[in-house]
């Protein structure tokens, strides 16, 4: 059975990211103004990612998604796999 898909439509809350879809260890991100979807693998516990996204949806000023994204790439918790058309 495939992992449950969680979709966060955050384009109205974020100037950088339109949508984040999390399914198991896969994360799909649509950046603002970009017609492409980028696929990533999330290595850390998914609960941390959900907590950050839920916190952002509840209070967009409480979390910098751009900083979280960049920090996750640097720490290799988030690893780009491919670009999905």
Protein backbone atom coordinates (compact mmCIF):
# COMPACT_ATOMS: atom_id res chain seq x y z
CA UNK A 1 0.00 0.00 0.00
CA UNK A 2 1.46 3.40 -0.99
CA UNK A 3 2.18 5.94 1.71
CA UNK A 4 -0.49 8.55 2.37
CA UNK A 5 -0.12 11.74 0.34
CA UNK A 6 -0.14 15.07 2.21
CA UNK A 7 -0.59 18.20 0.11
CA UNK A 8 0.17 21.71 1.35
CA UNK A 9 -1.16 24.41 -1.01
CA UNK A 10 0.75 27.38 0.38
CA UNK A 11 1.06 29.75 -2.59
CA UNK A 12 -0.99 32.42 -0.85
CA UNK A 13 1.15 32.15 2.29
CA UNK A 14 4.63 31.88 0.75
CA UNK A 15 6.36 34.09 -1.79
CA UNK A 16 8.77 31.28 -2.71
CA UNK A 17 6.80 28.02 -2.70
CA UNK A 18 3.38 27.29 -4.20
CA UNK A 19 2.87 23.69 -3.15
CA UNK A 20 4.55 20.90 -1.19
CA UNK A 21 3.42 17.28 -1.50
CA UNK A 22 4.80 14.70 0.92
CA UNK A 23 4.32 10.99 0.32
CA UNK A 24 6.41 8.71 2.49
CA UNK A 25 10.03 9.78 2.10
CA UNK A 26 9.34 11.63 -1.17
CA UNK A 27 8.78 15.37 -1.24
CA UNK A 28 7.56 17.24 -4.33
CA UNK A 29 7.98 21.03 -4.39
CA UNK A 30 6.53 23.56 -6.82
CA UNK A 31 8.33 26.90 -6.51
CA UNK A 32 6.50 30.16 -7.24
CA UNK A 33 6.57 31.14 -10.91
CA UNK A 34 7.92 27.75 -11.96
CA UNK A 35 5.98 25.24 -14.03
CA UNK A 36 8.19 22.36 -12.89
CA UNK A 37 7.90 20.09 -9.89
CA UNK A 38 11.10 19.07 -8.13
CA UNK A 39 11.31 15.68 -6.44
CA UNK A 40 13.32 15.22 -3.27
CA UNK A 41 13.99 12.44 -0.82
CA UNK A 42 13.47 13.34 2.83
CA UNK A 43 15.99 11.49 5.01
CA UNK A 44 15.03 12.82 8.42
CA UNK A 45 11.93 11.84 10.35
CA UNK A 46 8.84 12.95 8.45
CA UNK A 47 7.30 14.27 11.66
CA UNK A 48 9.79 17.18 11.63
CA UNK A 49 8.79 18.12 8.08
CA UNK A 50 5.08 17.90 8.90
CA UNK A 51 5.56 19.98 12.05
CA UNK A 52 7.29 22.75 10.09
CA UNK A 53 4.69 22.74 7.29
CA UNK A 54 1.76 22.61 9.72
CA UNK A 55 3.29 25.43 11.75
CA UNK A 56 3.74 27.50 8.61
CA UNK A 57 0.13 26.95 7.50
CA UNK A 58 -1.14 27.99 10.95
CA UNK A 59 1.15 31.02 11.23
CA UNK A 60 3.23 31.86 8.11
CA UNK A 61 5.35 34.35 10.06
CA UNK A 62 6.47 31.70 12.55
CA UNK A 63 8.66 29.80 10.06
CA UNK A 64 10.90 30.81 7.17
CA UNK A 65 10.30 28.06 4.62
CA UNK A 66 13.18 29.32 2.52
CA UNK A 67 15.60 29.00 5.44
CA UNK A 68 14.19 25.58 6.37
CA UNK A 69 14.54 24.42 2.74
CA UNK A 70 18.14 25.69 2.46
CA UNK A 71 19.15 24.28 5.85
CA UNK A 72 17.59 20.91 4.93
CA UNK A 73 19.57 20.83 1.67
CA UNK A 74 22.81 21.74 3.45
CA UNK A 75 22.32 19.07 6.12
CA UNK A 76 21.32 16.60 3.40
CA UNK A 77 18.01 15.85 5.12
CA UNK A 78 16.47 16.88 1.78
CA UNK A 79 18.16 15.52 -1.34
CA UNK A 80 17.02 16.43 -4.85
CA UNK A 81 16.29 13.37 -6.96
CA UNK A 82 14.95 14.82 -10.20
CA UNK A 83 12.77 17.39 -11.91
CA UNK A 84 9.30 16.09 -12.73
CA UNK A 85 7.60 17.70 -15.71
